[in-house]
Amino acid sequence: MRTSIWLVRHGQTHLNLARRYQSFSDSPLTDYGQQQTRALALRLRPLPFGVALVSPTERTHLAAEAILARRDGVTVRHDYGWAEAHHGRWEGLTYREVLARYPDEARARWANGVDGRAEGGESLAEVAARVTVAWQTLLRENLGGRVLVVTHATPIQLVLCACFGLEPSRHWQWRVDLGSVTCVEVYGAGAIVRMVNDVPSLPEKRPTTGA
């Protein structure tokens, strides 16, 4: 019996474009992010999903809505377990701004490895524990199904680490682009990674004609 999990990272937002920390904050999609969202919908249109788990942010909701448009019978659940790592008071800042405002905190965060965190935020160890629970719950509740997970880079990277027996500290070695698809198929004997960071081609714009 196979459980097929399709992990999708949302399209580009204005905060992404500006290279600012973004976790819980909402930021509008850029024009490019809107094109990415349409491309994801086209790429996944042939696949019948029974369940969709969606991180509770506007950008992931928009991706899920596009992918699931005109589909019936899909159970959609908003699940904080798939949220991005909480950046605390670094939210909305660039890394350069963080270094200028909180230099000691920045140095301490990286020195502490998986246990480092921004003030008010989550450590990588805490995110890994949360994602592990979400992943195990998904597998337990959807045995033999096909599940869509619309989430963020860090949870996808941590799932891949878990599949390959890697420590969470190595999550950065998995590239997970905006608007990408990763697929993991889980059997009784273990997981097979079908694809990683597949970025669908953007749909071609139709030429406009004058009246």
N, C-alpha and C. Protein backbone atom coordinates (compact mmCIF):
# COMPACT_ATOMS: atom_id res chain seq x y z
N MET A 1 0.85 -1.20 0.00
CA MET A 1 0.00 0.00 0.00
C MET A 1 0.89 1.25 0.00
N ARG A 2 0.55 2.20 -0.81
CA ARG A 2 1.35 3.41 -0.98
C ARG A 2 0.56 4.64 -0.59
N THR A 3 1.19 5.51 0.19
CA THR A 3 0.63 6.83 0.47
C THR A 3 1.47 7.84 -0.29
N SER A 4 0.82 8.62 -1.12
CA SER A 4 1.51 9.58 -2.00
C SER A 4 1.29 10.99 -1.47
N ILE A 5 2.39 11.65 -1.12
CA ILE A 5 2.31 12.99 -0.54
C ILE A 5 2.97 13.99 -1.47
N TRP A 6 2.23 15.01 -1.86
CA TRP A 6 2.71 16.05 -2.76
C TRP A 6 2.85 17.35 -1.96
N LEU A 7 4.10 17.74 -1.77
CA LEU A 7 4.43 18.91 -0.95
C LEU A 7 4.71 20.10 -1.85
N VAL A 8 3.94 21.16 -1.67
CA VAL A 8 4.00 22.33 -2.54
C VAL A 8 4.43 23.55 -1.73
N ARG A 9 5.41 24.28 -2.27
CA ARG A 9 5.75 25.57 -1.69
C ARG A 9 5.02 26.66 -2.47
N HIS A 10 4.47 27.61 -1.76
CA HIS A 10 3.67 28.69 -2.33
C HIS A 10 4.47 29.55 -3.32
N GLY A 11 3.77 30.44 -4.02
CA GLY A 11 4.42 31.37 -4.94
C GLY A 11 5.06 32.56 -4.25
N GLN A 12 5.80 33.31 -5.01
CA GLN A 12 6.59 34.44 -4.48
C GLN A 12 5.70 35.58 -3.96
N THR A 13 6.05 36.09 -2.79
CA THR A 13 5.40 37.27 -2.22
C THR A 13 6.34 38.47 -2.31
N HIS A 14 5.82 39.64 -1.99
CA HIS A 14 6.67 40.84 -2.01
C HIS A 14 7.74 40.76 -0.93
N LEU A 15 7.45 40.16 0.21
CA LEU A 15 8.48 39.98 1.23
C LEU A 15 9.56 39.01 0.76
N ASN A 16 9.15 37.94 0.05
CA ASN A 16 10.15 37.05 -0.53
C ASN A 16 11.06 37.79 -1.49
N LEU A 17 10.46 38.60 -2.35
CA LEU A 17 11.23 39.33 -3.35
C LEU A 17 12.24 40.26 -2.70
N ALA A 18 11.87 40.85 -1.59
CA ALA A 18 12.75 41.78 -0.87
C ALA A 18 13.72 41.04 0.06
N ARG A 19 13.67 39.72 0.07
CA ARG A 19 14.55 38.88 0.90
C ARG A 19 14.41 39.23 2.38
N ARG A 20 13.15 39.35 2.80
CA ARG A 20 12.84 39.63 4.20
C ARG A 20 12.30 38.37 4.86
N TYR A 21 12.58 38.24 6.15
CA TYR A 21 12.07 37.09 6.90
C TYR A 21 10.55 37.11 6.88
N GLN A 22 9.96 35.97 6.53
CA GLN A 22 8.51 35.87 6.48
C GLN A 22 8.08 34.50 6.99
N SER A 23 7.27 34.52 8.02
CA SER A 23 6.70 33.27 8.51
C SER A 23 5.19 33.43 8.65
N PHE A 24 4.75 34.06 9.74
CA PHE A 24 3.31 34.21 9.97
C PHE A 24 2.69 35.38 9.24
N SER A 25 3.50 36.33 8.77
CA SER A 25 2.96 37.55 8.14
C SER A 25 2.39 37.25 6.76
N ASP A 26 1.34 37.99 6.44
CA ASP A 26 0.80 37.92 5.08
C ASP A 26 1.44 39.02 4.24
N SER A 27 1.72 38.68 2.99
CA SER A 27 2.28 39.62 2.03
C SER A 27 1.70 39.27 0.68
N PRO A 28 1.26 40.26 -0.11
CA PRO A 28 0.66 39.94 -1.40
C PRO A 28 1.62 39.19 -2.32
N LEU A 29 1.07 38.34 -3.16
CA LEU A 29 1.88 37.71 -4.19
C LEU A 29 2.33 38.75 -5.21
N THR A 30 3.55 38.61 -5.68
CA THR A 30 4.00 39.41 -6.82
C THR A 30 3.33 38.90 -8.08
N ASP A 31 3.48 39.63 -9.18
CA ASP A 31 2.96 39.13 -10.46
C ASP A 31 3.57 37.77 -10.79
N TYR A 32 4.87 37.65 -10.50
CA TYR A 32 5.56 36.37 -10.75
C TYR A 32 4.99 35.28 -9.84
N GLY A 33 4.69 35.63 -8.60
CA GLY A 33 4.10 34.66 -7.68
C GLY A 33 2.73 34.20 -8.14
N GLN A 34 1.96 35.10 -8.73
CA GLN A 34 0.65 34.72 -9.28
C GLN A 34 0.81 33.77 -10.45
N GLN A 35 1.83 34.02 -11.29
CA GLN A 35 2.10 33.10 -12.39
C GLN A 35 2.54 31.73 -11.87
N GLN A 36 3.36 31.73 -10.84
CA GLN A 36 3.78 30.46 -10.23
C GLN A 36 2.58 29.68 -9.70
N THR A 37 1.65 30.38 -9.09
CA THR A 37 0.46 29.73 -8.54
C THR A 37 -0.36 29.09 -9.65
N ARG A 38 -0.52 29.80 -10.76
CA ARG A 38 -1.25 29.21 -11.89
C ARG A 38 -0.51 28.01 -12.45
N ALA A 39 0.82 28.09 -12.50
CA ALA A 39 1.62 26.97 -13.02
C ALA A 39 1.48 25.74 -12.13
N LEU A 40 1.45 25.94 -10.81
CA LEU A 40 1.25 24.82 -9.89
C LEU A 40 -0.11 24.16 -10.14
N ALA A 41 -1.13 24.99 -10.34
CA ALA A 41 -2.47 24.44 -10.58
C ALA A 41 -2.49 23.60 -11.84
N LEU A 42 -1.85 24.06 -12.90
CA LEU A 42 -1.80 23.31 -14.15
C LEU A 42 -1.00 22.01 -13.98
N ARG A 43 0.11 22.11 -13.28
CA ARG A 43 0.98 20.94 -13.09
C ARG A 43 0.26 19.83 -12.33
N LEU A 44 -0.55 20.17 -11.34
CA LEU A 44 -1.18 19.18 -10.47
C LEU A 44 -2.62 18.87 -10.85
N ARG A 45 -3.12 19.50 -11.89
CA ARG A 45 -4.52 19.31 -12.28
C ARG A 45 -4.89 17.84 -12.50
N PRO A 46 -4.03 17.00 -13.10
CA PRO A 46 -4.44 15.61 -13.35
C PRO A 46 -4.54 14.74 -12.11
N LEU A 47 -4.03 15.20 -10.97
CA LEU A 47 -3.94 14.34 -9.80
C LEU A 47 -5.18 14.46 -8.91
N PRO A 48 -5.82 13.35 -8.59
CA PRO A 48 -6.96 13.38 -7.66
C PRO A 48 -6.48 13.32 -6.22
N PHE A 49 -6.74 14.36 -5.45
CA PHE A 49 -6.38 14.39 -4.04
C PHE A 49 -7.60 14.11 -3.19
N GLY A 50 -7.39 13.36 -2.12
CA GLY A 50 -8.48 13.14 -1.18
C GLY A 50 -8.46 14.13 -0.03
N VAL A 51 -7.25 14.56 0.34
CA VAL A 51 -7.07 15.46 1.48
C VAL A 51 -6.04 16.51 1.13
N ALA A 52 -6.26 17.73 1.59
CA ALA A 52 -5.28 18.81 1.44
C ALA A 52 -5.02 19.41 2.81
N LEU A 53 -3.75 19.47 3.19
CA LEU A 53 -3.33 20.09 4.45
C LEU A 53 -2.64 21.39 4.10
N VAL A 54 -3.09 22.49 4.69
CA VAL A 54 -2.65 23.81 4.27
C VAL A 54 -2.15 24.60 5.46
N SER A 55 -0.94 25.13 5.35
CA SER A 55 -0.42 26.03 6.37
C SER A 55 -1.30 27.27 6.47
N PRO A 56 -1.52 27.80 7.67
CA PRO A 56 -2.47 28.90 7.85
C PRO A 56 -1.89 30.27 7.50
N THR A 57 -1.59 30.50 6.22
CA THR A 57 -1.19 31.81 5.74
C THR A 57 -1.92 32.10 4.44
N GLU A 58 -2.01 33.37 4.10
CA GLU A 58 -2.71 33.75 2.87
C GLU A 58 -2.04 33.15 1.64
N ARG A 59 -0.70 33.17 1.59
CA ARG A 59 0.01 32.71 0.40
C ARG A 59 -0.19 31.21 0.16
N THR A 60 -0.27 30.43 1.23
CA THR A 60 -0.53 29.00 1.04
C THR A 60 -2.00 28.75 0.71
N HIS A 61 -2.89 29.55 1.29
CA HIS A 61 -4.31 29.40 0.95
C HIS A 61 -4.54 29.68 -0.54
N LEU A 62 -3.88 30.72 -1.07
CA LEU A 62 -4.06 31.05 -2.48
C LEU A 62 -3.58 29.92 -3.38
N ALA A 63 -2.46 29.31 -3.02
CA ALA A 63 -1.95 28.19 -3.81
C ALA A 63 -2.91 27.00 -3.74
N ALA A 64 -3.39 26.70 -2.54
CA ALA A 64 -4.31 25.57 -2.39
C ALA A 64 -5.61 25.80 -3.15
N GLU A 65 -6.14 27.01 -3.08
CA GLU A 65 -7.38 27.32 -3.79
C GLU A 65 -7.21 27.15 -5.29
N ALA A 66 -6.08 27.58 -5.82
CA ALA A 66 -5.84 27.45 -7.26
C ALA A 66 -5.70 25.98 -7.66
N ILE A 67 -4.97 25.22 -6.87
CA ILE A 67 -4.75 23.81 -7.20
C ILE A 67 -6.05 23.01 -7.10
N LEU A 68 -6.88 23.33 -6.13
CA LEU A 68 -8.09 22.55 -5.87
C LEU A 68 -9.33 23.10 -6.55
N ALA A 69 -9.19 24.15 -7.35
CA ALA A 69 -10.34 24.74 -8.03
C ALA A 69 -11.04 23.70 -8.90
N ARG A 70 -12.35 23.73 -8.87
CA ARG A 70 -13.20 22.84 -9.68
C ARG A 70 -13.02 21.36 -9.30
N ARG A 71 -12.60 21.11 -8.08
CA ARG A 71 -12.51 19.73 -7.58
C ARG A 71 -13.58 19.52 -6.51
N ASP A 72 -14.17 18.36 -6.52
CA ASP A 72 -15.16 18.01 -5.51
C ASP A 72 -14.60 16.92 -4.60
N GLY A 73 -15.07 16.93 -3.37
CA GLY A 73 -14.77 15.83 -2.47
C GLY A 73 -13.41 15.86 -1.81
N VAL A 74 -12.70 16.99 -1.88
CA VAL A 74 -11.40 17.09 -1.22
C VAL A 74 -11.60 17.67 0.18
N THR A 75 -11.09 17.00 1.18
CA THR A 75 -11.15 17.49 2.55
C THR A 75 -9.97 18.43 2.78
N VAL A 76 -10.24 19.70 3.09
CA VAL A 76 -9.19 20.69 3.28
C VAL A 76 -9.07 21.01 4.77
N ARG A 77 -7.86 20.91 5.28
CA ARG A 77 -7.62 21.21 6.69
C ARG A 77 -6.49 22.21 6.81
N HIS A 78 -6.71 23.24 7.60
CA HIS A 78 -5.65 24.21 7.90
C HIS A 78 -4.88 23.69 9.11
N ASP A 79 -3.59 23.50 8.93
CA ASP A 79 -2.80 22.78 9.93
C ASP A 79 -1.54 23.56 10.27
N TYR A 80 -1.47 24.07 11.50
CA TYR A 80 -0.29 24.85 11.93
C TYR A 80 0.97 23.99 11.97
N GLY A 81 0.82 22.68 12.03
CA GLY A 81 1.98 21.82 12.00
C GLY A 81 2.85 22.02 10.78
N TRP A 82 2.26 22.54 9.69
CA TRP A 82 2.98 22.75 8.43
C TRP A 82 3.37 24.21 8.23
N ALA A 83 3.30 25.02 9.27
CA ALA A 83 3.67 26.43 9.17
C ALA A 83 5.19 26.59 9.04
N GLU A 84 5.60 27.73 8.52
CA GLU A 84 7.03 28.05 8.43
C GLU A 84 7.58 28.32 9.83
N ALA A 85 8.90 28.16 9.97
CA ALA A 85 9.54 28.48 11.24
C ALA A 85 9.23 29.92 11.64
N HIS A 86 8.77 30.10 12.87
CA HIS A 86 8.39 31.43 13.36
C HIS A 86 9.66 32.25 13.59
N HIS A 87 9.74 33.43 12.97
CA HIS A 87 10.95 34.25 13.04
C HIS A 87 10.93 35.27 14.18
N GLY A 88 9.89 35.26 15.01
CA GLY A 88 9.86 36.17 16.15
C GLY A 88 10.00 37.62 15.71
N ARG A 89 10.85 38.37 16.44
CA ARG A 89 10.97 39.79 16.13
C ARG A 89 11.83 40.08 14.91
N TRP A 90 12.36 39.03 14.27
CA TRP A 90 13.05 39.22 13.00
C TRP A 90 12.07 39.31 11.83
N GLU A 91 10.82 38.98 12.09
CA GLU A 91 9.82 38.97 11.02
C GLU A 91 9.79 40.30 10.28
N GLY A 92 9.84 40.23 8.96
CA GLY A 92 9.76 41.41 8.11
C GLY A 92 11.07 42.13 7.89
N LEU A 93 12.15 41.68 8.56
CA LEU A 93 13.45 42.33 8.43
C LEU A 93 14.32 41.58 7.42
N THR A 94 15.28 42.27 6.85
CA THR A 94 16.33 41.61 6.09
C THR A 94 17.39 41.13 7.07
N TYR A 95 18.27 40.26 6.61
CA TYR A 95 19.33 39.80 7.50
C TYR A 95 20.26 40.95 7.88
N ARG A 96 20.50 41.84 6.95
CA ARG A 96 21.34 43.01 7.26
C ARG A 96 20.71 43.86 8.35
N GLU A 97 19.40 44.03 8.30
CA GLU A 97 18.70 44.80 9.34
C GLU A 97 18.77 44.08 10.69
N VAL A 98 18.66 42.75 10.67
CA VAL A 98 18.79 41.99 11.91
C VAL A 98 20.17 42.20 12.53
N LEU A 99 21.21 42.14 11.72
CA LEU A 99 22.57 42.33 12.23
C LEU A 99 22.75 43.73 12.82
N ALA A 100 22.09 44.71 12.20
CA ALA A 100 22.22 46.08 12.70
C ALA A 100 21.45 46.28 14.01
N ARG A 101 20.28 45.67 14.12
CA ARG A 101 19.43 45.89 15.30
C ARG A 101 19.75 44.93 16.46
N TYR A 102 20.02 43.68 16.12
CA TYR A 102 20.18 42.65 17.15
C TYR A 102 21.45 41.84 16.92
N PRO A 103 22.61 42.48 16.91
CA PRO A 103 23.84 41.75 16.57
C PRO A 103 24.15 40.62 17.54
N ASP A 104 23.98 40.84 18.83
CA ASP A 104 24.28 39.79 19.81
C ASP A 104 23.32 38.62 19.66
N GLU A 105 22.05 38.95 19.44
CA GLU A 105 21.05 37.90 19.27
C GLU A 105 21.33 37.07 18.02
N ALA A 106 21.74 37.73 16.94
CA ALA A 106 22.04 37.03 15.70
C ALA A 106 23.22 36.07 15.91
N ARG A 107 24.26 36.54 16.55
CA ARG A 107 25.43 35.68 16.78
C ARG A 107 25.07 34.50 17.67
N ALA A 108 24.26 34.77 18.69
CA ALA A 108 23.86 33.69 19.61
C ALA A 108 22.99 32.66 18.90
N ARG A 109 22.13 33.13 18.01
CA ARG A 109 21.25 32.19 17.32
C ARG A 109 22.07 31.18 16.51
N TRP A 110 23.02 31.66 15.72
CA TRP A 110 23.79 30.74 14.88
C TRP A 110 24.77 29.93 15.71
N ALA A 111 25.26 30.47 16.81
CA ALA A 111 26.19 29.72 17.66
C ALA A 111 25.50 28.56 18.36
N ASN A 112 24.20 28.68 18.59
CA ASN A 112 23.45 27.65 19.31
C ASN A 112 22.88 26.56 18.42
N GLY A 113 23.20 26.59 17.14
CA GLY A 113 22.78 25.51 16.24
C GLY A 113 21.28 25.36 16.16
N VAL A 114 20.82 24.10 16.27
CA VAL A 114 19.38 23.83 16.11
C VAL A 114 18.55 24.41 17.25
N ASP A 115 19.20 24.79 18.34
CA ASP A 115 18.47 25.36 19.48
C ASP A 115 18.44 26.88 19.47
N GLY A 116 19.11 27.50 18.50
CA GLY A 116 19.10 28.95 18.42
C GLY A 116 17.77 29.48 17.90
N ARG A 117 17.43 30.68 18.35
CA ARG A 117 16.17 31.27 17.89
C ARG A 117 16.23 32.78 18.00
N ALA A 118 15.41 33.45 17.19
CA ALA A 118 15.17 34.87 17.39
C ALA A 118 14.24 35.05 18.58
N GLU A 119 14.33 36.20 19.23
CA GLU A 119 13.44 36.43 20.37
C GLU A 119 11.99 36.34 19.91
N GLY A 120 11.22 35.52 20.61
CA GLY A 120 9.82 35.33 20.27
C GLY A 120 9.58 34.33 19.17
N GLY A 121 10.65 33.73 18.64
CA GLY A 121 10.51 32.79 17.54
C GLY A 121 10.75 31.35 17.94
N GLU A 122 10.85 30.48 16.95
CA GLU A 122 11.07 29.06 17.16
C GLU A 122 12.50 28.69 16.81
N SER A 123 13.03 27.70 17.49
CA SER A 123 14.31 27.11 17.10
C SER A 123 14.04 26.06 16.03
N LEU A 124 15.10 25.68 15.30
CA LEU A 124 14.95 24.63 14.30
C LEU A 124 14.55 23.32 14.97
N ALA A 125 15.06 23.06 16.16
CA ALA A 125 14.68 21.84 16.87
C ALA A 125 13.18 21.81 17.16
N GLU A 126 12.62 22.95 17.54
CA GLU A 126 11.18 23.02 17.82
C GLU A 126 10.37 22.85 16.54
N VAL A 127 10.83 23.44 15.45
CA VAL A 127 10.12 23.28 14.18
C VAL A 127 10.17 21.83 13.74
N ALA A 128 11.34 21.20 13.87
CA ALA A 128 11.48 19.80 13.47
C ALA A 128 10.54 18.90 14.27
N ALA A 129 10.42 19.16 15.58
CA ALA A 129 9.51 18.37 16.41
C ALA A 129 8.06 18.56 15.96
N ARG A 130 7.70 19.81 15.65
CA ARG A 130 6.33 20.09 15.19
C ARG A 130 6.03 19.43 13.85
N VAL A 131 6.97 19.53 12.91
CA VAL A 131 6.77 18.93 11.59
C VAL A 131 6.74 17.41 11.68
N THR A 132 7.54 16.83 12.56
CA THR A 132 7.53 15.38 12.75
C THR A 132 6.15 14.90 13.19
N VAL A 133 5.54 15.61 14.11
CA VAL A 133 4.19 15.25 14.55
C VAL A 133 3.20 15.38 13.39
N ALA A 134 3.29 16.46 12.62
CA ALA A 134 2.39 16.67 11.49
C ALA A 134 2.57 15.57 10.44
N TRP A 135 3.82 15.19 10.17
CA TRP A 135 4.12 14.15 9.19
C TRP A 135 3.59 12.79 9.65
N GLN A 136 3.83 12.44 10.89
CA GLN A 136 3.36 11.16 11.41
C GLN A 136 1.84 11.08 11.45
N THR A 137 1.21 12.21 11.78
CA THR A 137 -0.25 12.26 11.79
C THR A 137 -0.79 12.08 10.38
N LEU A 138 -0.17 12.74 9.42
CA LEU A 138 -0.58 12.60 8.01
C LEU A 138 -0.54 11.13 7.60
N LEU A 139 0.56 10.47 7.87
CA LEU A 139 0.71 9.08 7.44
C LEU A 139 -0.28 8.17 8.16
N ARG A 140 -0.50 8.42 9.41
CA ARG A 140 -1.42 7.57 10.19
C ARG A 140 -2.87 7.72 9.73
N GLU A 141 -3.26 8.93 9.36
CA GLU A 141 -4.66 9.21 9.04
C GLU A 141 -4.99 9.05 7.56
N ASN A 142 -3.98 8.85 6.72
CA ASN A 142 -4.23 8.82 5.27
C ASN A 142 -3.54 7.63 4.62
N LEU A 143 -3.59 6.49 5.26
CA LEU A 143 -2.92 5.30 4.76
C LEU A 143 -3.46 4.93 3.38
N GLY A 144 -2.58 4.91 2.40
CA GLY A 144 -2.97 4.53 1.05
C GLY A 144 -3.59 5.64 0.23
N GLY A 145 -3.62 6.86 0.75
CA GLY A 145 -4.25 7.96 0.02
C GLY A 145 -3.25 8.82 -0.73
N ARG A 146 -3.77 9.85 -1.38
CA ARG A 146 -2.95 10.86 -2.05
C ARG A 146 -3.25 12.20 -1.38
N VAL A 147 -2.23 12.81 -0.81
CA VAL A 147 -2.40 13.99 0.03
C VAL A 147 -1.63 15.17 -0.55
N LEU A 148 -2.28 16.31 -0.61
CA LEU A 148 -1.64 17.56 -0.99
C LEU A 148 -1.29 18.32 0.29
N VAL A 149 -0.03 18.77 0.40
CA VAL A 149 0.40 19.61 1.52
C VAL A 149 0.92 20.92 0.94
N VAL A 150 0.28 22.02 1.26
CA VAL A 150 0.71 23.33 0.77
C VAL A 150 1.37 24.05 1.93
N THR A 151 2.67 24.28 1.80
CA THR A 151 3.45 24.67 2.96
C THR A 151 4.59 25.60 2.54
N HIS A 152 5.72 25.47 3.23
CA HIS A 152 6.85 26.39 3.08
C HIS A 152 8.14 25.59 2.94
N ALA A 153 9.24 26.30 2.75
CA ALA A 153 10.51 25.61 2.49
C ALA A 153 10.96 24.74 3.65
N THR A 154 10.97 25.30 4.87
CA THR A 154 11.56 24.57 5.99
C THR A 154 10.84 23.26 6.29
N PRO A 155 9.51 23.21 6.36
CA PRO A 155 8.86 21.91 6.60
C PRO A 155 9.18 20.88 5.52
N ILE A 156 9.24 21.30 4.25
CA ILE A 156 9.57 20.35 3.18
C ILE A 156 10.99 19.83 3.36
N GLN A 157 11.92 20.73 3.65
CA GLN A 157 13.30 20.32 3.87
C GLN A 157 13.42 19.34 5.04
N LEU A 158 12.67 19.56 6.09
CA LEU A 158 12.73 18.69 7.26
C LEU A 158 12.13 17.32 6.96
N VAL A 159 11.07 17.26 6.17
CA VAL A 159 10.52 15.97 5.76
C VAL A 159 11.55 15.18 4.96
N LEU A 160 12.25 15.84 4.05
CA LEU A 160 13.27 15.16 3.26
C LEU A 160 14.41 14.66 4.16
N CYS A 161 14.80 15.46 5.13
CA CYS A 161 15.82 15.00 6.08
C CYS A 161 15.35 13.74 6.80
N ALA A 162 14.11 13.73 7.24
CA ALA A 162 13.58 12.57 7.95
C ALA A 162 13.57 11.33 7.06
N CYS A 163 13.21 11.51 5.79
CA CYS A 163 13.16 10.37 4.86
C CYS A 163 14.53 9.75 4.63
N PHE A 164 15.57 10.56 4.70
CA PHE A 164 16.93 10.08 4.44
C PHE A 164 17.75 9.90 5.71
N GLY A 165 17.12 10.02 6.87
CA GLY A 165 17.83 9.82 8.11
C GLY A 165 18.87 10.89 8.41
N LEU A 166 18.64 12.10 7.92
CA LEU A 166 19.57 13.20 8.15
C LEU A 166 19.14 14.02 9.35
N GLU A 167 20.09 14.61 10.04
CA GLU A 167 19.78 15.49 11.15
C GLU A 167 19.10 16.76 10.63
N PRO A 168 18.19 17.35 11.40
CA PRO A 168 17.54 18.59 10.97
C PRO A 168 18.53 19.70 10.63
N SER A 169 19.69 19.69 11.26
CA SER A 169 20.69 20.73 10.99
C SER A 169 21.16 20.73 9.53
N ARG A 170 20.88 19.67 8.81
CA ARG A 170 21.30 19.59 7.41
C ARG A 170 20.17 19.96 6.46
N HIS A 171 19.12 20.53 6.99
CA HIS A 171 17.96 20.86 6.13
C HIS A 171 18.32 21.81 5.00
N TRP A 172 19.30 22.68 5.23
CA TRP A 172 19.67 23.69 4.23
C TRP A 172 20.27 23.06 2.97
N GLN A 173 20.63 21.77 3.02
CA GLN A 173 21.21 21.11 1.86
C GLN A 173 20.16 20.72 0.82
N TRP A 174 18.89 20.86 1.16
CA TRP A 174 17.80 20.62 0.21
C TRP A 174 17.32 21.97 -0.33
N ARG A 175 17.41 22.17 -1.61
CA ARG A 175 16.89 23.39 -2.22
C ARG A 175 15.41 23.21 -2.51
N VAL A 176 14.61 24.11 -1.97
CA VAL A 176 13.16 24.08 -2.19
C VAL A 176 12.74 25.47 -2.62
N ASP A 177 12.55 25.65 -3.92
CA ASP A 177 12.25 26.97 -4.48
C ASP A 177 10.78 27.34 -4.29
N LEU A 178 10.53 28.63 -4.38
CA LEU A 178 9.15 29.10 -4.43
C LEU A 178 8.45 28.49 -5.64
N GLY A 179 7.18 28.13 -5.45
CA GLY A 179 6.40 27.59 -6.55
C GLY A 179 6.85 26.21 -6.99
N SER A 180 7.40 25.41 -6.07
CA SER A 180 7.93 24.09 -6.44
C SER A 180 7.08 22.96 -5.88
N VAL A 181 7.31 21.77 -6.46
CA VAL A 181 6.59 20.55 -6.06
C VAL A 181 7.62 19.49 -5.67
N THR A 182 7.39 18.84 -4.53
CA THR A 182 8.20 17.71 -4.08
C THR A 182 7.23 16.57 -3.76
N CYS A 183 7.57 15.36 -4.18
CA CYS A 183 6.67 14.23 -3.96
C CYS A 183 7.40 13.11 -3.24
N VAL A 184 6.79 12.61 -2.17
CA VAL A 184 7.30 11.47 -1.41
C VAL A 184 6.22 10.40 -1.38
N GLU A 185 6.60 9.17 -1.73
CA GLU A 185 5.67 8.06 -1.67
C GLU A 185 6.12 7.11 -0.57
N VAL A 186 5.23 6.84 0.36
CA VAL A 186 5.57 6.07 1.55
C VAL A 186 4.92 4.69 1.47
N TYR A 187 5.77 3.67 1.59
CA TYR A 187 5.35 2.27 1.61
C TYR A 187 5.61 1.70 3.01
N GLY A 188 5.19 0.49 3.22
CA GLY A 188 5.42 -0.14 4.50
C GLY A 188 6.90 -0.25 4.85
N ALA A 189 7.74 -0.42 3.83
CA ALA A 189 9.17 -0.60 4.06
C ALA A 189 9.94 0.71 4.13
N GLY A 190 9.26 1.83 3.83
CA GLY A 190 9.95 3.11 3.88
C GLY A 190 9.48 4.05 2.79
N ALA A 191 10.18 5.16 2.66
CA ALA A 191 9.78 6.22 1.74
C ALA A 191 10.64 6.21 0.48
N ILE A 192 10.01 6.51 -0.64
CA ILE A 192 10.69 6.72 -1.91
C ILE A 192 10.41 8.16 -2.33
N VAL A 193 11.47 8.91 -2.59
CA VAL A 193 11.30 10.29 -3.04
C VAL A 193 11.17 10.29 -4.56
N ARG A 194 10.00 10.69 -5.01
CA ARG A 194 9.71 10.66 -6.44
C ARG A 194 10.28 11.88 -7.16
N MET A 195 10.19 13.04 -6.54
CA MET A 195 10.76 14.25 -7.13
C MET A 195 11.02 15.26 -6.03
N VAL A 196 12.01 16.13 -6.28
CA VAL A 196 12.35 17.18 -5.33
C VAL A 196 12.49 18.50 -6.09
N ASN A 197 11.81 19.51 -5.60
CA ASN A 197 11.98 20.87 -6.13
C ASN A 197 11.71 20.96 -7.63
N ASP A 198 10.64 20.31 -8.07
CA ASP A 198 10.23 20.42 -9.46
C ASP A 198 9.46 21.74 -9.62
N VAL A 199 9.98 22.63 -10.44
CA VAL A 199 9.36 23.94 -10.63
C VAL A 199 8.65 23.95 -11.98
N PRO A 200 7.31 23.96 -12.00
CA PRO A 200 6.59 23.93 -13.27
C PRO A 200 6.89 25.16 -14.13
N SER A 201 6.89 24.95 -15.43
CA SER A 201 7.05 26.06 -16.35
C SER A 201 5.87 27.00 -16.24
N LEU A 202 6.14 28.30 -16.34
CA LEU A 202 5.05 29.27 -16.26
C LEU A 202 4.17 29.18 -17.48
N PRO A 203 2.86 29.31 -17.29
CA PRO A 203 1.95 29.26 -18.45
C PRO A 203 2.21 30.45 -19.37
N GLU A 204 2.12 30.19 -20.66
CA GLU A 204 2.34 31.26 -21.62
C GLU A 204 1.17 32.24 -21.58
N LYS A 205 1.51 33.52 -21.71
CA LYS A 205 0.48 34.53 -21.75
C LYS A 205 -0.13 34.59 -23.14
N ARG A 206 -1.44 34.65 -23.19
CA ARG A 206 -2.10 34.74 -24.48
C ARG A 206 -2.01 36.18 -25.00
N PRO A 207 -1.68 36.34 -26.28
CA PRO A 207 -1.61 37.69 -26.84
C PRO A 207 -2.96 38.37 -26.82
N THR A 208 -2.95 39.64 -26.55
CA THR A 208 -4.21 40.39 -26.57
C THR A 208 -4.39 41.06 -27.93
N THR A 209 -5.62 41.19 -28.33
CA THR A 209 -5.93 41.82 -29.62
C THR A 209 -6.84 43.00 -29.38
N GLY A 210 -6.67 44.01 -30.19
CA GLY A 210 -7.54 45.18 -30.08
C GLY A 210 -8.92 44.92 -30.62
N ALA A 211 -9.87 45.68 -30.16
CA ALA A 211 -11.24 45.51 -30.63
C ALA A 211 -11.37 46.02 -32.05
